[in-house]
Amino acid sequence: MMTFSVANTGAGTMTWTAEVVSGGTWARIISGASGSNAGTVTVGYDANPAGGTNRTATIRVTATGATG
């Protein structure tokens, strides 16, 4: 597993969502798919099979209306 922190450094409330946009067949969000202001996104992934190639996943955190 891997964890990522989300933080609001602005003055207003920031509602956010997280999603796997690539690597979805072997990577998945276990917890923290959405939140308000601050939170932790936990991503799980399947083991790379023996002899497998390197893999890359993209996790996108979106906060509609947020700037900077």
PDB file of N, CA and C in Angstrom:
ATOM      1  N   MET A   1       0.837  -1.182   0.000  1.00  0.00           N
ATOM      2  CA  MET A   1       0.000   0.000   0.000  1.00  0.00           C
ATOM      3  C   MET A   1       0.884   1.247   0.000  1.00  0.00           C
ATOM      4  N   MET A   2       0.290   2.317  -0.462  1.00  0.00           N
ATOM      5  CA  MET A   2       0.953   3.603  -0.489  1.00  0.00           C
ATOM      6  C   MET A   2      -0.065   4.657  -0.067  1.00  0.00           C
ATOM      7  N   THR A   3       0.367   5.671   0.655  1.00  0.00           N
ATOM      8  CA  THR A   3      -0.550   6.723   1.083  1.00  0.00           C
ATOM      9  C   THR A   3      -0.078   8.079   0.573  1.00  0.00           C
ATOM     10  N   PHE A   4      -1.054   8.942   0.306  1.00  0.00           N
ATOM     11  CA  PHE A   4      -0.808  10.308  -0.140  1.00  0.00           C
ATOM     12  C   PHE A   4      -1.626  11.241   0.728  1.00  0.00           C
ATOM     13  N   SER A   5      -1.059  12.383   1.064  1.00  0.00           N
ATOM     14  CA  SER A   5      -1.781  13.384   1.852  1.00  0.00           C
ATOM     15  C   SER A   5      -2.360  14.451   0.934  1.00  0.00           C
ATOM     16  N   VAL A   6      -3.560  14.894   1.256  1.00  0.00           N
ATOM     17  CA  VAL A   6      -4.212  16.004   0.572  1.00  0.00           C
ATOM     18  C   VAL A   6      -4.376  17.109   1.604  1.00  0.00           C
ATOM     19  N   ALA A   7      -4.019  18.337   1.241  1.00  0.00           N
ATOM     20  CA  ALA A   7      -4.129  19.444   2.193  1.00  0.00           C
ATOM     21  C   ALA A   7      -4.638  20.706   1.489  1.00  0.00           C
ATOM     22  N   ASN A   8      -5.472  21.443   2.173  1.00  0.00           N
ATOM     23  CA  ASN A   8      -5.969  22.723   1.703  1.00  0.00           C
ATOM     24  C   ASN A   8      -5.142  23.810   2.364  1.00  0.00           C
ATOM     25  N   THR A   9      -4.387  24.547   1.563  1.00  0.00           N
ATOM     26  CA  THR A   9      -3.567  25.632   2.113  1.00  0.00           C
ATOM     27  C   THR A   9      -4.219  26.998   1.896  1.00  0.00           C
ATOM     28  N   GLY A  10      -5.469  26.994   1.387  1.00  0.00           N
ATOM     29  CA  GLY A  10      -6.185  28.233   1.138  1.00  0.00           C
ATOM     30  C   GLY A  10      -7.107  28.587   2.278  1.00  0.00           C
ATOM     31  N   ALA A  11      -7.895  29.627   2.055  1.00  0.00           N
ATOM     32  CA  ALA A  11      -8.773  30.140   3.097  1.00  0.00           C
ATOM     33  C   ALA A  11     -10.155  29.498   3.091  1.00  0.00           C
ATOM     34  N   GLY A  12     -10.619  29.020   1.939  1.00  0.00           N
ATOM     35  CA  GLY A  12     -11.973  28.466   1.854  1.00  0.00           C
ATOM     36  C   GLY A  12     -11.989  26.957   2.048  1.00  0.00           C
ATOM     37  N   THR A  13     -13.185  26.407   2.001  1.00  0.00           N
ATOM     38  CA  THR A  13     -13.355  24.961   2.090  1.00  0.00           C
ATOM     39  C   THR A  13     -13.051  24.338   0.735  1.00  0.00           C
ATOM     40  N   MET A  14     -12.311  23.237   0.740  1.00  0.00           N
ATOM     41  CA  MET A  14     -11.951  22.544  -0.496  1.00  0.00           C
ATOM     42  C   MET A  14     -12.477  21.114  -0.427  1.00  0.00           C
ATOM     43  N   THR A  15     -13.459  20.816  -1.269  1.00  0.00           N
ATOM     44  CA  THR A  15     -13.967  19.459  -1.385  1.00  0.00           C
ATOM     45  C   THR A  15     -13.205  18.782  -2.516  1.00  0.00           C
ATOM     46  N   TRP A  16     -12.688  17.586  -2.276  1.00  0.00           N
ATOM     47  CA  TRP A  16     -11.844  16.912  -3.267  1.00  0.00           C
ATOM     48  C   TRP A  16     -12.260  15.455  -3.453  1.00  0.00           C
ATOM     49  N   THR A  17     -11.880  14.912  -4.599  1.00  0.00           N
ATOM     50  CA  THR A  17     -12.085  13.496  -4.899  1.00  0.00           C
ATOM     51  C   THR A  17     -10.800  12.943  -5.502  1.00  0.00           C
ATOM     52  N   ALA A  18     -10.563  11.654  -5.304  1.00  0.00           N
ATOM     53  CA  ALA A  18      -9.395  10.978  -5.858  1.00  0.00           C
ATOM     54  C   ALA A  18      -9.861   9.791  -6.682  1.00  0.00           C
ATOM     55  N   GLU A  19      -9.174   9.532  -7.793  1.00  0.00           N
ATOM     56  CA  GLU A  19      -9.513   8.392  -8.628  1.00  0.00           C
ATOM     57  C   GLU A  19      -8.268   7.854  -9.321  1.00  0.00           C
ATOM     58  N   VAL A  20      -8.290   6.572  -9.631  1.00  0.00           N
ATOM     59  CA  VAL A  20      -7.231   5.955 -10.432  1.00  0.00           C
ATOM     60  C   VAL A  20      -7.595   6.210 -11.883  1.00  0.00           C
ATOM     61  N   VAL A  21      -6.739   6.927 -12.622  1.00  0.00           N
ATOM     62  CA  VAL A  21      -7.043   7.218 -14.024  1.00  0.00           C
ATOM     63  C   VAL A  21      -6.247   6.337 -14.980  1.00  0.00           C
ATOM     64  N   SER A  22      -5.200   5.690 -14.505  1.00  0.00           N
ATOM     65  CA  SER A  22      -4.513   4.653 -15.285  1.00  0.00           C
ATOM     66  C   SER A  22      -3.908   3.661 -14.301  1.00  0.00           C
ATOM     67  N   GLY A  23      -3.770   2.412 -14.719  1.00  0.00           N
ATOM     68  CA  GLY A  23      -3.324   1.362 -13.814  1.00  0.00           C
ATOM     69  C   GLY A  23      -4.485   0.733 -13.075  1.00  0.00           C
ATOM     70  N   GLY A  24      -5.707   1.003 -13.561  1.00  0.00           N
ATOM     71  CA  GLY A  24      -6.912   0.566 -12.870  1.00  0.00           C
ATOM     72  C   GLY A  24      -7.118  -0.926 -12.773  1.00  0.00           C
ATOM     73  N   THR A  25      -6.404  -1.712 -13.577  1.00  0.00           N
ATOM     74  CA  THR A  25      -6.592  -3.153 -13.490  1.00  0.00           C
ATOM     75  C   THR A  25      -5.833  -3.741 -12.315  1.00  0.00           C
ATOM     76  N   TRP A  26      -4.829  -3.047 -11.804  1.00  0.00           N
ATOM     77  CA  TRP A  26      -4.034  -3.590 -10.700  1.00  0.00           C
ATOM     78  C   TRP A  26      -3.871  -2.606  -9.547  1.00  0.00           C
ATOM     79  N   ALA A  27      -4.264  -1.347  -9.735  1.00  0.00           N
ATOM     80  CA  ALA A  27      -4.171  -0.332  -8.672  1.00  0.00           C
ATOM     81  C   ALA A  27      -5.581   0.115  -8.311  1.00  0.00           C
ATOM     82  N   ARG A  28      -5.815   0.385  -7.026  1.00  0.00           N
ATOM     83  CA  ARG A  28      -7.148   0.808  -6.595  1.00  0.00           C
ATOM     84  C   ARG A  28      -7.042   1.648  -5.315  1.00  0.00           C
ATOM     85  N   ILE A  29      -7.986   2.554  -5.162  1.00  0.00           N
ATOM     86  CA  ILE A  29      -8.060   3.353  -3.945  1.00  0.00           C
ATOM     87  C   ILE A  29      -8.780   2.520  -2.891  1.00  0.00           C
ATOM     88  N   ILE A  30      -8.102   2.314  -1.782  1.00  0.00           N
ATOM     89  CA  ILE A  30      -8.657   1.517  -0.686  1.00  0.00           C
ATOM     90  C   ILE A  30      -9.455   2.394   0.262  1.00  0.00           C
ATOM     91  N   SER A  31      -8.954   3.593   0.541  1.00  0.00           N
ATOM     92  CA  SER A  31      -9.679   4.532   1.399  1.00  0.00           C
ATOM     93  C   SER A  31      -9.291   5.948   1.023  1.00  0.00           C
ATOM     94  N   GLY A  32     -10.161   6.894   1.348  1.00  0.00           N
ATOM     95  CA  GLY A  32      -9.882   8.301   1.082  1.00  0.00           C
ATOM     96  C   GLY A  32     -10.188   8.719  -0.342  1.00  0.00           C
ATOM     97  N   ALA A  33     -11.248   8.179  -0.939  1.00  0.00           N
ATOM     98  CA  ALA A  33     -11.604   8.540  -2.306  1.00  0.00           C
ATOM     99  C   ALA A  33     -12.184   9.947  -2.401  1.00  0.00           C
ATOM    100  N   SER A  34     -12.561  10.527  -1.260  1.00  0.00           N
ATOM    101  CA  SER A  34     -13.063  11.904  -1.255  1.00  0.00           C
ATOM    102  C   SER A  34     -12.929  12.470   0.149  1.00  0.00           C
ATOM    103  N   GLY A  35     -12.992  13.794   0.213  1.00  0.00           N
ATOM    104  CA  GLY A  35     -12.890  14.432   1.513  1.00  0.00           C
ATOM    105  C   GLY A  35     -13.087  15.928   1.408  1.00  0.00           C
ATOM    106  N   SER A  36     -12.892  16.592   2.514  1.00  0.00           N
ATOM    107  CA  SER A  36     -13.021  18.031   2.583  1.00  0.00           C
ATOM    108  C   SER A  36     -11.806  18.581   3.317  1.00  0.00           C
ATOM    109  N   ASN A  37     -11.111  19.503   2.673  1.00  0.00           N
ATOM    110  CA  ASN A  37      -9.917  20.179   3.182  1.00  0.00           C
ATOM    111  C   ASN A  37      -8.701  19.271   3.257  1.00  0.00           C
ATOM    112  N   ALA A  38      -8.586  18.403   4.230  1.00  0.00           N
ATOM    113  CA  ALA A  38      -7.394  17.565   4.368  1.00  0.00           C
ATOM    114  C   ALA A  38      -7.798  16.100   4.483  1.00  0.00           C
ATOM    115  N   GLY A  39      -6.896  15.227   4.077  1.00  0.00           N
ATOM    116  CA  GLY A  39      -7.180  13.806   4.200  1.00  0.00           C
ATOM    117  C   GLY A  39      -6.036  12.970   3.674  1.00  0.00           C
ATOM    118  N   THR A  40      -6.220  11.681   3.723  1.00  0.00           N
ATOM    119  CA  THR A  40      -5.216  10.735   3.249  1.00  0.00           C
ATOM    120  C   THR A  40      -5.862   9.790   2.258  1.00  0.00           C
ATOM    121  N   VAL A  41      -5.199   9.594   1.112  1.00  0.00           N
ATOM    122  CA  VAL A  41      -5.640   8.649   0.102  1.00  0.00           C
ATOM    123  C   VAL A  41      -4.737   7.426   0.222  1.00  0.00           C
ATOM    124  N   THR A  42      -5.329   6.255   0.407  1.00  0.00           N
ATOM    125  CA  THR A  42      -4.566   5.008   0.483  1.00  0.00           C
ATOM    126  C   THR A  42      -4.817   4.211  -0.781  1.00  0.00           C
ATOM    127  N   VAL A  43      -3.731   3.855  -1.462  1.00  0.00           N
ATOM    128  CA  VAL A  43      -3.799   3.119  -2.723  1.00  0.00           C
ATOM    129  C   VAL A  43      -3.213   1.732  -2.520  1.00  0.00           C
ATOM    130  N   GLY A  44      -3.932   0.723  -2.960  1.00  0.00           N
ATOM    131  CA  GLY A  44      -3.439  -0.645  -2.926  1.00  0.00           C
ATOM    132  C   GLY A  44      -3.141  -1.095  -4.341  1.00  0.00           C
ATOM    133  N   TYR A  45      -2.338  -2.115  -4.477  1.00  0.00           N
ATOM    134  CA  TYR A  45      -1.982  -2.608  -5.808  1.00  0.00           C
ATOM    135  C   TYR A  45      -1.642  -4.085  -5.722  1.00  0.00           C
ATOM    136  N   ASP A  46      -1.894  -4.784  -6.828  1.00  0.00           N
ATOM    137  CA  ASP A  46      -1.564  -6.189  -6.929  1.00  0.00           C
ATOM    138  C   ASP A  46      -0.060  -6.344  -7.132  1.00  0.00           C
ATOM    139  N   ALA A  47       0.484  -7.441  -6.650  1.00  0.00           N
ATOM    140  CA  ALA A  47       1.903  -7.724  -6.851  1.00  0.00           C
ATOM    141  C   ALA A  47       2.190  -7.869  -8.345  1.00  0.00           C
ATOM    142  N   ASN A  48       3.361  -7.392  -8.749  1.00  0.00           N
ATOM    143  CA  ASN A  48       3.786  -7.538 -10.130  1.00  0.00           C
ATOM    144  C   ASN A  48       4.172  -8.998 -10.348  1.00  0.00           C
ATOM    145  N   PRO A  49       3.605  -9.669 -11.347  1.00  0.00           N
ATOM    146  CA  PRO A  49       3.924 -11.081 -11.552  1.00  0.00           C
ATOM    147  C   PRO A  49       5.406 -11.280 -11.866  1.00  0.00           C
ATOM    148  N   ALA A  50       5.922 -12.444 -11.521  1.00  0.00           N
ATOM    149  CA  ALA A  50       7.327 -12.754 -11.797  1.00  0.00           C
ATOM    150  C   ALA A  50       7.600 -12.528 -13.280  1.00  0.00           C
ATOM    151  N   GLY A  51       8.691 -11.840 -13.565  1.00  0.00           N
ATOM    152  CA  GLY A  51       9.044 -11.552 -14.946  1.00  0.00           C
ATOM    153  C   GLY A  51       8.246 -10.421 -15.565  1.00  0.00           C
ATOM    154  N   GLY A  52       7.392  -9.775 -14.763  1.00  0.00           N
ATOM    155  CA  GLY A  52       6.569  -8.678 -15.276  1.00  0.00           C
ATOM    156  C   GLY A  52       7.396  -7.439 -15.541  1.00  0.00           C
ATOM    157  N   THR A  53       6.866  -6.550 -16.324  1.00  0.00           N
ATOM    158  CA  THR A  53       7.541  -5.299 -16.633  1.00  0.00           C
ATOM    159  C   THR A  53       7.159  -4.246 -15.599  1.00  0.00           C
ATOM    160  N   ASN A  54       7.888  -3.145 -15.589  1.00  0.00           N
ATOM    161  CA  ASN A  54       7.561  -2.039 -14.688  1.00  0.00           C
ATOM    162  C   ASN A  54       6.167  -1.522 -15.023  1.00  0.00           C
ATOM    163  N   ARG A  55       5.443  -1.100 -13.998  1.00  0.00           N
ATOM    164  CA  ARG A  55       4.105  -0.571 -14.193  1.00  0.00           C
ATOM    165  C   ARG A  55       4.015   0.836 -13.631  1.00  0.00           C
ATOM    166  N   THR A  56       3.122   1.610 -14.204  1.00  0.00           N
ATOM    167  CA  THR A  56       2.887   2.974 -13.748  1.00  0.00           C
ATOM    168  C   THR A  56       1.383   3.171 -13.583  1.00  0.00           C
ATOM    169  N   ALA A  57       1.009   3.817 -12.504  1.00  0.00           N
ATOM    170  CA  ALA A  57      -0.391   4.172 -12.287  1.00  0.00           C
ATOM    171  C   ALA A  57      -0.472   5.681 -12.073  1.00  0.00           C
ATOM    172  N   THR A  58      -1.598   6.251 -12.431  1.00  0.00           N
ATOM    173  CA  THR A  58      -1.837   7.679 -12.195  1.00  0.00           C
ATOM    174  C   THR A  58      -3.046   7.823 -11.287  1.00  0.00           C
ATOM    175  N   ILE A  59      -2.865   8.548 -10.188  1.00  0.00           N
ATOM    176  CA  ILE A  59      -3.926   8.868  -9.244  1.00  0.00           C
ATOM    177  C   ILE A  59      -4.182  10.370  -9.388  1.00  0.00           C
ATOM    178  N   ARG A  60      -5.422  10.742  -9.680  1.00  0.00           N
ATOM    179  CA  ARG A  60      -5.742  12.162  -9.847  1.00  0.00           C
ATOM    180  C   ARG A  60      -6.610  12.617  -8.688  1.00  0.00           C
ATOM    181  N   VAL A  61      -6.203  13.715  -8.069  1.00  0.00           N
ATOM    182  CA  VAL A  61      -7.000  14.361  -7.021  1.00  0.00           C
ATOM    183  C   VAL A  61      -7.548  15.640  -7.617  1.00  0.00           C
ATOM    184  N   THR A  62      -8.875  15.779  -7.590  1.00  0.00           N
ATOM    185  CA  THR A  62      -9.542  16.928  -8.191  1.00  0.00           C
ATOM    186  C   THR A  62     -10.296  17.701  -7.123  1.00  0.00           C
ATOM    187  N   ALA A  63     -10.152  19.008  -7.144  1.00  0.00           N
ATOM    188  CA  ALA A  63     -10.896  19.889  -6.243  1.00  0.00           C
ATOM    189  C   ALA A  63     -11.523  20.975  -7.113  1.00  0.00           C
ATOM    190  N   THR A  64     -12.765  20.753  -7.515  1.00  0.00           N
ATOM    191  CA  THR A  64     -13.450  21.677  -8.395  1.00  0.00           C
ATOM    192  C   THR A  64     -13.498  23.074  -7.794  1.00  0.00           C
ATOM    193  N   GLY A  65     -13.075  24.052  -8.575  1.00  0.00           N
ATOM    194  CA  GLY A  65     -13.091  25.432  -8.127  1.00  0.00           C
ATOM    195  C   GLY A  65     -11.834  25.881  -7.409  1.00  0.00           C
ATOM    196  N   ALA A  66     -10.966  24.950  -7.018  1.00  0.00           N
ATOM    197  CA  ALA A  66      -9.725  25.324  -6.334  1.00  0.00           C
ATOM    198  C   ALA A  66      -8.729  25.886  -7.357  1.00  0.00           C
ATOM    199  N   THR A  67      -7.906  26.808  -6.924  1.00  0.00           N
ATOM    200  CA  THR A  67      -6.875  27.381  -7.784  1.00  0.00           C
ATOM    201  C   THR A  67      -5.529  27.244  -7.101  1.00  0.00           C
ATOM    202  N   GLY A  68      -4.496  27.260  -7.903  1.00  0.00           N
ATOM    203  CA  GLY A  68      -3.129  27.193  -7.370  1.00  0.00           C
ATOM    204  C   GLY A  68      -2.740  25.805  -7.029  1.00  0.00           C
TER     205      GLY A  68
END
